[in-house]
């Protein structure tokens, strides 16, 4: 389970998301990990544990909102949706 805090205005929200991770042995040794639901979210590690730590970081970076992403047209509203 991925868990993170996001800051919206002065409020902090806790978000937990369960994602399926594909972990494959690499031909060169080590492991490759990727998330099918997050295109391009891939990482690797020399061990299974390292690959899982690295893919967690990749997921967090993939999902991290960039302030520029939140800029819309004048009068636009920023809303959050929990699924």
PDB file of N, CA and C in Angstrom:
ATOM      1  N   UNK A   1       0.834  -1.164   0.000  1.00  0.00           N
ATOM      2  CA  UNK A   1       0.000   0.000   0.000  1.00  0.00           C
ATOM      3  C   UNK A   1       0.882   1.232   0.000  1.00  0.00           C
ATOM      4  N   UNK A   2       0.590   2.163  -0.867  1.00  0.00           N
ATOM      5  CA  UNK A   2       1.308   3.430  -0.954  1.00  0.00           C
ATOM      6  C   UNK A   2       0.590   4.424  -0.068  1.00  0.00           C
ATOM      7  N   UNK A   3       1.324   5.135   0.745  1.00  0.00           N
ATOM      8  CA  UNK A   3       0.716   6.107   1.628  1.00  0.00           C
ATOM      9  C   UNK A   3       1.488   7.409   1.537  1.00  0.00           C
ATOM     10  N   UNK A   4       0.778   8.528   1.424  1.00  0.00           N
ATOM     11  CA  UNK A   4       1.460   9.805   1.332  1.00  0.00           C
ATOM     12  C   UNK A   4       0.581  10.909   1.870  1.00  0.00           C
ATOM     13  N   UNK A   5       1.206  12.040   2.174  1.00  0.00           N
ATOM     14  CA  UNK A   5       0.484  13.225   2.597  1.00  0.00           C
ATOM     15  C   UNK A   5       0.579  14.264   1.504  1.00  0.00           C
ATOM     16  N   UNK A   6      -0.520  14.935   1.224  1.00  0.00           N
ATOM     17  CA  UNK A   6      -0.491  16.030   0.266  1.00  0.00           C
ATOM     18  C   UNK A   6      -0.975  17.281   0.966  1.00  0.00           C
ATOM     19  N   UNK A   7      -0.459  18.407   0.558  1.00  0.00           N
ATOM     20  CA  UNK A   7      -0.823  19.676   1.145  1.00  0.00           C
ATOM     21  C   UNK A   7      -1.683  20.442   0.155  1.00  0.00           C
ATOM     22  N   UNK A   8      -2.892  20.784   0.549  1.00  0.00           N
ATOM     23  CA  UNK A   8      -3.793  21.579  -0.277  1.00  0.00           C
ATOM     24  C   UNK A   8      -4.184  22.777   0.577  1.00  0.00           C
ATOM     25  N   UNK A   9      -3.719  23.951   0.177  1.00  0.00           N
ATOM     26  CA  UNK A   9      -3.928  25.125   1.008  1.00  0.00           C
ATOM     27  C   UNK A   9      -3.232  24.909   2.339  1.00  0.00           C
ATOM     28  N   UNK A  10      -3.973  25.015   3.425  1.00  0.00           N
ATOM     29  CA  UNK A  10      -3.413  24.772   4.751  1.00  0.00           C
ATOM     30  C   UNK A  10      -3.827  23.413   5.308  1.00  0.00           C
ATOM     31  N   UNK A  11      -4.551  22.616   4.525  1.00  0.00           N
ATOM     32  CA  UNK A  11      -5.034  21.328   5.001  1.00  0.00           C
ATOM     33  C   UNK A  11      -4.162  20.196   4.494  1.00  0.00           C
ATOM     34  N   UNK A  12      -3.928  19.198   5.319  1.00  0.00           N
ATOM     35  CA  UNK A  12      -3.178  18.017   4.912  1.00  0.00           C
ATOM     36  C   UNK A  12      -4.153  16.859   4.764  1.00  0.00           C
ATOM     37  N   UNK A  13      -4.006  16.126   3.661  1.00  0.00           N
ATOM     38  CA  UNK A  13      -4.844  14.969   3.395  1.00  0.00           C
ATOM     39  C   UNK A  13      -3.969  13.726   3.348  1.00  0.00           C
ATOM     40  N   UNK A  14      -4.462  12.650   3.900  1.00  0.00           N
ATOM     41  CA  UNK A  14      -3.772  11.368   3.852  1.00  0.00           C
ATOM     42  C   UNK A  14      -4.437  10.532   2.764  1.00  0.00           C
ATOM     43  N   UNK A  15      -3.625   9.989   1.880  1.00  0.00           N
ATOM     44  CA  UNK A  15      -4.159   9.224   0.768  1.00  0.00           C
ATOM     45  C   UNK A  15      -3.466   7.867   0.723  1.00  0.00           C
ATOM     46  N   UNK A  16      -4.227   6.810   0.664  1.00  0.00           N
ATOM     47  CA  UNK A  16      -3.668   5.469   0.540  1.00  0.00           C
ATOM     48  C   UNK A  16      -4.234   4.831  -0.720  1.00  0.00           C
ATOM     49  N   UNK A  17      -3.357   4.250  -1.514  1.00  0.00           N
ATOM     50  CA  UNK A  17      -3.757   3.636  -2.773  1.00  0.00           C
ATOM     51  C   UNK A  17      -3.105   2.254  -2.850  1.00  0.00           C
ATOM     52  N   UNK A  18      -3.886   1.249  -3.203  1.00  0.00           N
ATOM     53  CA  UNK A  18      -3.341  -0.085  -3.437  1.00  0.00           C
ATOM     54  C   UNK A  18      -3.115  -0.244  -4.939  1.00  0.00           C
ATOM     55  N   UNK A  19      -1.895  -0.580  -5.312  1.00  0.00           N
ATOM     56  CA  UNK A  19      -1.554  -0.754  -6.721  1.00  0.00           C
ATOM     57  C   UNK A  19      -0.915  -2.120  -6.926  1.00  0.00           C
ATOM     58  N   UNK A  20      -1.223  -2.750  -8.041  1.00  0.00           N
ATOM     59  CA  UNK A  20      -0.569  -4.003  -8.413  1.00  0.00           C
ATOM     60  C   UNK A  20       0.793  -3.673  -9.016  1.00  0.00           C
ATOM     61  N   UNK A  21       1.817  -4.362  -8.550  1.00  0.00           N
ATOM     62  CA  UNK A  21       3.185  -4.197  -9.033  1.00  0.00           C
ATOM     63  C   UNK A  21       3.600  -5.494  -9.720  1.00  0.00           C
ATOM     64  N   UNK A  22       4.185  -5.389 -10.898  1.00  0.00           N
ATOM     65  CA  UNK A  22       4.759  -6.555 -11.564  1.00  0.00           C
ATOM     66  C   UNK A  22       6.253  -6.535 -11.266  1.00  0.00           C
ATOM     67  N   UNK A  23       6.740  -7.616 -10.701  1.00  0.00           N
ATOM     68  CA  UNK A  23       8.146  -7.748 -10.321  1.00  0.00           C
ATOM     69  C   UNK A  23       8.724  -8.920 -11.092  1.00  0.00           C
ATOM     70  N   UNK A  24       9.693  -8.636 -11.978  1.00  0.00           N
ATOM     71  CA  UNK A  24      10.259  -9.679 -12.833  1.00  0.00           C
ATOM     72  C   UNK A  24      11.768  -9.784 -12.621  1.00  0.00           C
ATOM     73  N   UNK A  25      12.282 -11.010 -12.607  1.00  0.00           N
ATOM     74  CA  UNK A  25      13.741 -11.154 -12.573  1.00  0.00           C
ATOM     75  C   UNK A  25      14.340 -10.603 -13.866  1.00  0.00           C
ATOM     76  N   UNK A  26      15.434  -9.886 -13.741  1.00  0.00           N
ATOM     77  CA  UNK A  26      16.101  -9.305 -14.910  1.00  0.00           C
ATOM     78  C   UNK A  26      17.100 -10.298 -15.489  1.00  0.00           C
ATOM     79  N   UNK A  27      17.280 -10.254 -16.801  1.00  0.00           N
ATOM     80  CA  UNK A  27      18.245 -11.140 -17.457  1.00  0.00           C
ATOM     81  C   UNK A  27      19.664 -10.889 -16.960  1.00  0.00           C
ATOM     82  N   UNK A  28      19.940  -9.647 -16.551  1.00  0.00           N
ATOM     83  CA  UNK A  28      21.279  -9.272 -16.086  1.00  0.00           C
ATOM     84  C   UNK A  28      21.432  -9.412 -14.576  1.00  0.00           C
ATOM     85  N   UNK A  29      20.458 -10.004 -13.909  1.00  0.00           N
ATOM     86  CA  UNK A  29      20.458 -10.099 -12.448  1.00  0.00           C
ATOM     87  C   UNK A  29      19.608  -8.979 -11.877  1.00  0.00           C
ATOM     88  N   UNK A  30      19.169  -9.146 -10.665  1.00  0.00           N
ATOM     89  CA  UNK A  30      18.309  -8.145 -10.054  1.00  0.00           C
ATOM     90  C   UNK A  30      16.878  -8.290 -10.518  1.00  0.00           C
ATOM     91  N   UNK A  31      16.088  -7.230 -10.296  1.00  0.00           N
ATOM     92  CA  UNK A  31      14.663  -7.265 -10.594  1.00  0.00           C
ATOM     93  C   UNK A  31      14.220  -5.972 -11.263  1.00  0.00           C
ATOM     94  N   UNK A  32      13.239  -6.091 -12.131  1.00  0.00           N
ATOM     95  CA  UNK A  32      12.570  -4.941 -12.724  1.00  0.00           C
ATOM     96  C   UNK A  32      11.155  -4.916 -12.162  1.00  0.00           C
ATOM     97  N   UNK A  33      10.689  -3.726 -11.782  1.00  0.00           N
ATOM     98  CA  UNK A  33       9.330  -3.573 -11.244  1.00  0.00           C
ATOM     99  C   UNK A  33       8.609  -2.507 -12.054  1.00  0.00           C
ATOM    100  N   UNK A  34       7.331  -2.766 -12.350  1.00  0.00           N
ATOM    101  CA  UNK A  34       6.539  -1.748 -13.019  1.00  0.00           C
ATOM    102  C   UNK A  34       5.087  -1.835 -12.579  1.00  0.00           C
ATOM    103  N   UNK A  35       4.351  -0.748 -12.840  1.00  0.00           N
ATOM    104  CA  UNK A  35       2.960  -0.624 -12.418  1.00  0.00           C
ATOM    105  C   UNK A  35       2.103  -0.512 -13.681  1.00  0.00           C
ATOM    106  N   UNK A  36       1.358  -1.554 -14.029  1.00  0.00           N
ATOM    107  CA  UNK A  36       0.571  -1.526 -15.265  1.00  0.00           C
ATOM    108  C   UNK A  36      -0.422  -0.359 -15.348  1.00  0.00           C
ATOM    109  N   UNK A  37      -0.971   0.063 -14.220  1.00  0.00           N
ATOM    110  CA  UNK A  37      -1.955   1.147 -14.237  1.00  0.00           C
ATOM    111  C   UNK A  37      -1.334   2.537 -14.325  1.00  0.00           C
ATOM    112  N   UNK A  38      -0.001   2.631 -14.234  1.00  0.00           N
ATOM    113  CA  UNK A  38       0.707   3.911 -14.348  1.00  0.00           C
ATOM    114  C   UNK A  38       1.716   3.800 -15.491  1.00  0.00           C
ATOM    115  N   UNK A  39       1.297   4.071 -16.707  1.00  0.00           N
ATOM    116  CA  UNK A  39       2.179   3.904 -17.868  1.00  0.00           C
ATOM    117  C   UNK A  39       3.523   4.619 -17.687  1.00  0.00           C
ATOM    118  N   UNK A  40       4.591   3.889 -17.940  1.00  0.00           N
ATOM    119  CA  UNK A  40       5.933   4.457 -17.845  1.00  0.00           C
ATOM    120  C   UNK A  40       6.515   4.444 -16.445  1.00  0.00           C
ATOM    121  N   UNK A  41       5.751   3.979 -15.459  1.00  0.00           N
ATOM    122  CA  UNK A  41       6.249   3.925 -14.082  1.00  0.00           C
ATOM    123  C   UNK A  41       6.979   2.599 -13.904  1.00  0.00           C
ATOM    124  N   UNK A  42       8.307   2.670 -13.956  1.00  0.00           N
ATOM    125  CA  UNK A  42       9.149   1.478 -13.939  1.00  0.00           C
ATOM    126  C   UNK A  42      10.402   1.766 -13.123  1.00  0.00           C
ATOM    127  N   UNK A  43      10.927   0.742 -12.477  1.00  0.00           N
ATOM    128  CA  UNK A  43      12.169   0.875 -11.732  1.00  0.00           C
ATOM    129  C   UNK A  43      12.840  -0.489 -11.658  1.00  0.00           C
ATOM    130  N   UNK A  44      13.975  -0.528 -10.984  1.00  0.00           N
ATOM    131  CA  UNK A  44      14.706  -1.789 -10.855  1.00  0.00           C
ATOM    132  C   UNK A  44      15.525  -1.770  -9.577  1.00  0.00           C
ATOM    133  N   UNK A  45      16.070  -2.914  -9.243  1.00  0.00           N
ATOM    134  CA  UNK A  45      16.938  -3.025  -8.076  1.00  0.00           C
ATOM    135  C   UNK A  45      17.726  -4.309  -8.130  1.00  0.00           C
ATOM    136  N   UNK A  46      18.815  -4.333  -7.388  1.00  0.00           N
ATOM    137  CA  UNK A  46      19.661  -5.537  -7.345  1.00  0.00           C
ATOM    138  C   UNK A  46      18.986  -6.676  -6.603  1.00  0.00           C
ATOM    139  N   UNK A  47      18.108  -6.334  -5.650  1.00  0.00           N
ATOM    140  CA  UNK A  47      17.360  -7.347  -4.897  1.00  0.00           C
ATOM    141  C   UNK A  47      15.869  -7.045  -5.019  1.00  0.00           C
ATOM    142  N   UNK A  48      15.055  -8.007  -4.604  1.00  0.00           N
ATOM    143  CA  UNK A  48      13.602  -7.814  -4.631  1.00  0.00           C
ATOM    144  C   UNK A  48      13.217  -6.628  -3.757  1.00  0.00           C
ATOM    145  N   UNK A  49      13.773  -6.571  -2.545  1.00  0.00           N
ATOM    146  CA  UNK A  49      13.453  -5.477  -1.622  1.00  0.00           C
ATOM    147  C   UNK A  49      13.876  -4.119  -2.177  1.00  0.00           C
ATOM    148  N   UNK A  50      15.044  -4.057  -2.789  1.00  0.00           N
ATOM    149  CA  UNK A  50      15.507  -2.799  -3.368  1.00  0.00           C
ATOM    150  C   UNK A  50      14.595  -2.374  -4.527  1.00  0.00           C
ATOM    151  N   UNK A  51      14.191  -3.326  -5.350  1.00  0.00           N
ATOM    152  CA  UNK A  51      13.292  -3.011  -6.460  1.00  0.00           C
ATOM    153  C   UNK A  51      11.961  -2.483  -5.935  1.00  0.00           C
ATOM    154  N   UNK A  52      11.440  -3.067  -4.850  1.00  0.00           N
ATOM    155  CA  UNK A  52      10.184  -2.599  -4.270  1.00  0.00           C
ATOM    156  C   UNK A  52      10.339  -1.209  -3.659  1.00  0.00           C
ATOM    157  N   UNK A  53      11.462  -0.944  -2.993  1.00  0.00           N
ATOM    158  CA  UNK A  53      11.709   0.409  -2.464  1.00  0.00           C
ATOM    159  C   UNK A  53      11.784   1.424  -3.602  1.00  0.00           C
ATOM    160  N   UNK A  54      12.481   1.048  -4.669  1.00  0.00           N
ATOM    161  CA  UNK A  54      12.651   1.956  -5.806  1.00  0.00           C
ATOM    162  C   UNK A  54      11.339   2.217  -6.540  1.00  0.00           C
ATOM    163  N   UNK A  55      10.494   1.176  -6.676  1.00  0.00           N
ATOM    164  CA  UNK A  55       9.227   1.389  -7.380  1.00  0.00           C
ATOM    165  C   UNK A  55       8.285   2.227  -6.515  1.00  0.00           C
ATOM    166  N   UNK A  56       8.368   2.099  -5.208  1.00  0.00           N
ATOM    167  CA  UNK A  56       7.576   2.955  -4.319  1.00  0.00           C
ATOM    168  C   UNK A  56       7.939   4.422  -4.557  1.00  0.00           C
ATOM    169  N   UNK A  57       9.230   4.713  -4.627  1.00  0.00           N
ATOM    170  CA  UNK A  57       9.682   6.077  -4.885  1.00  0.00           C
ATOM    171  C   UNK A  57       9.215   6.549  -6.267  1.00  0.00           C
ATOM    172  N   UNK A  58       9.307   5.665  -7.263  1.00  0.00           N
ATOM    173  CA  UNK A  58       8.861   6.014  -8.619  1.00  0.00           C
ATOM    174  C   UNK A  58       7.360   6.328  -8.632  1.00  0.00           C
ATOM    175  N   UNK A  59       6.575   5.554  -7.901  1.00  0.00           N
ATOM    176  CA  UNK A  59       5.127   5.784  -7.822  1.00  0.00           C
ATOM    177  C   UNK A  59       4.851   7.134  -7.167  1.00  0.00           C
ATOM    178  N   UNK A  60       5.522   7.406  -6.063  1.00  0.00           N
ATOM    179  CA  UNK A  60       5.324   8.676  -5.369  1.00  0.00           C
ATOM    180  C   UNK A  60       5.649   9.851  -6.286  1.00  0.00           C
ATOM    181  N   UNK A  61       6.734   9.760  -7.030  1.00  0.00           N
ATOM    182  CA  UNK A  61       7.098  10.830  -7.951  1.00  0.00           C
ATOM    183  C   UNK A  61       6.101  10.929  -9.102  1.00  0.00           C
ATOM    184  N   UNK A  62       5.637   9.788  -9.585  1.00  0.00           N
ATOM    185  CA  UNK A  62       4.668   9.757 -10.679  1.00  0.00           C
ATOM    186  C   UNK A  62       3.374  10.462 -10.267  1.00  0.00           C
ATOM    187  N   UNK A  63       2.938  10.218  -9.035  1.00  0.00           N
ATOM    188  CA  UNK A  63       1.664  10.744  -8.568  1.00  0.00           C
ATOM    189  C   UNK A  63       1.768  12.138  -7.948  1.00  0.00           C
ATOM    190  N   UNK A  64       2.983  12.590  -7.696  1.00  0.00           N
ATOM    191  CA  UNK A  64       3.172  13.899  -7.071  1.00  0.00           C
ATOM    192  C   UNK A  64       2.648  14.997  -7.987  1.00  0.00           C
ATOM    193  N   UNK A  65       1.782  15.817  -7.447  1.00  0.00           N
ATOM    194  CA  UNK A  65       1.280  16.895  -8.288  1.00  0.00           C
ATOM    195  C   UNK A  65       2.310  18.014  -8.325  1.00  0.00           C
ATOM    196  N   UNK A  66       2.476  18.550  -9.480  1.00  0.00           N
ATOM    197  CA  UNK A  66       3.382  19.670  -9.678  1.00  0.00           C
ATOM    198  C   UNK A  66       2.530  20.924  -9.668  1.00  0.00           C
ATOM    199  N   UNK A  67       2.995  21.955  -8.973  1.00  0.00           N
ATOM    200  CA  UNK A  67       2.202  23.171  -8.847  1.00  0.00           C
ATOM    201  C   UNK A  67       1.739  23.690 -10.203  1.00  0.00           C
ATOM    202  N   UNK A  68       2.566  23.598 -11.225  1.00  0.00           N
ATOM    203  CA  UNK A  68       2.178  24.060 -12.558  1.00  0.00           C
ATOM    204  C   UNK A  68       0.987  23.284 -13.109  1.00  0.00           C
ATOM    205  N   UNK A  69       0.816  22.023 -12.675  1.00  0.00           N
ATOM    206  CA  UNK A  69      -0.309  21.219 -13.134  1.00  0.00           C
ATOM    207  C   UNK A  69      -1.640  21.755 -12.605  1.00  0.00           C
ATOM    208  N   UNK A  70      -1.581  22.544 -11.537  1.00  0.00           N
ATOM    209  CA  UNK A  70      -2.795  23.028 -10.897  1.00  0.00           C
ATOM    210  C   UNK A  70      -3.249  24.389 -11.417  1.00  0.00           C
ATOM    211  N   UNK A  71      -2.587  24.894 -12.427  1.00  0.00           N
ATOM    212  CA  UNK A  71      -2.952  26.197 -12.978  1.00  0.00           C
ATOM    213  C   UNK A  71      -3.971  25.991 -14.102  1.00  0.00           C
ATOM    214  N   UNK A  72      -5.105  26.639 -13.963  1.00  0.00           N
ATOM    215  CA  UNK A  72      -6.149  26.526 -14.981  1.00  0.00           C
ATOM    216  C   UNK A  72      -6.556  27.905 -15.448  1.00  0.00           C
ATOM    217  N   UNK A  73      -7.598  27.932 -16.233  1.00  0.00           N
ATOM    218  CA  UNK A  73      -8.128  29.205 -16.705  1.00  0.00           C
ATOM    219  C   UNK A  73      -8.694  29.993 -15.531  1.00  0.00           C
ATOM    220  N   UNK A  74      -8.811  31.294 -15.718  1.00  0.00           N
ATOM    221  CA  UNK A  74      -9.390  32.135 -14.676  1.00  0.00           C
ATOM    222  C   UNK A  74     -10.783  31.625 -14.343  1.00  0.00           C
ATOM    223  N   UNK A  75     -11.059  31.518 -13.066  1.00  0.00           N
ATOM    224  CA  UNK A  75     -12.352  31.021 -12.615  1.00  0.00           C
ATOM    225  C   UNK A  75     -12.404  29.506 -12.472  1.00  0.00           C
ATOM    226  N   UNK A  76     -11.303  28.827 -12.831  1.00  0.00           N
ATOM    227  CA  UNK A  76     -11.270  27.364 -12.706  1.00  0.00           C
ATOM    228  C   UNK A  76     -11.275  26.974 -11.230  1.00  0.00           C
ATOM    229  N   UNK A  77     -11.799  25.816 -10.950  1.00  0.00           N
ATOM    230  CA  UNK A  77     -11.870  25.310  -9.586  1.00  0.00           C
ATOM    231  C   UNK A  77     -10.973  24.091  -9.464  1.00  0.00           C
ATOM    232  N   UNK A  78     -10.280  23.985  -8.340  1.00  0.00           N
ATOM    233  CA  UNK A  78      -9.485  22.788  -8.052  1.00  0.00           C
ATOM    234  C   UNK A  78     -10.316  21.915  -7.120  1.00  0.00           C
ATOM    235  N   UNK A  79     -10.560  20.693  -7.523  1.00  0.00           N
ATOM    236  CA  UNK A  79     -11.351  19.758  -6.726  1.00  0.00           C
ATOM    237  C   UNK A  79     -10.581  18.456  -6.597  1.00  0.00           C
ATOM    238  N   UNK A  80     -10.896  17.683  -5.568  1.00  0.00           N
ATOM    239  CA  UNK A  80     -10.297  16.370  -5.382  1.00  0.00           C
ATOM    240  C   UNK A  80     -11.396  15.323  -5.398  1.00  0.00           C
ATOM    241  N   UNK A  81     -11.073  14.166  -5.907  1.00  0.00           N
ATOM    242  CA  UNK A  81     -12.027  13.069  -5.994  1.00  0.00           C
ATOM    243  C   UNK A  81     -11.385  11.830  -5.407  1.00  0.00           C
ATOM    244  N   UNK A  82     -12.067  11.181  -4.491  1.00  0.00           N
ATOM    245  CA  UNK A  82     -11.602   9.931  -3.921  1.00  0.00           C
ATOM    246  C   UNK A  82     -12.399   8.807  -4.542  1.00  0.00           C
ATOM    247  N   UNK A  83     -11.698   7.823  -5.073  1.00  0.00           N
ATOM    248  CA  UNK A  83     -12.369   6.703  -5.724  1.00  0.00           C
ATOM    249  C   UNK A  83     -12.156   5.455  -4.896  1.00  0.00           C
TER     250      UNK A  83
END
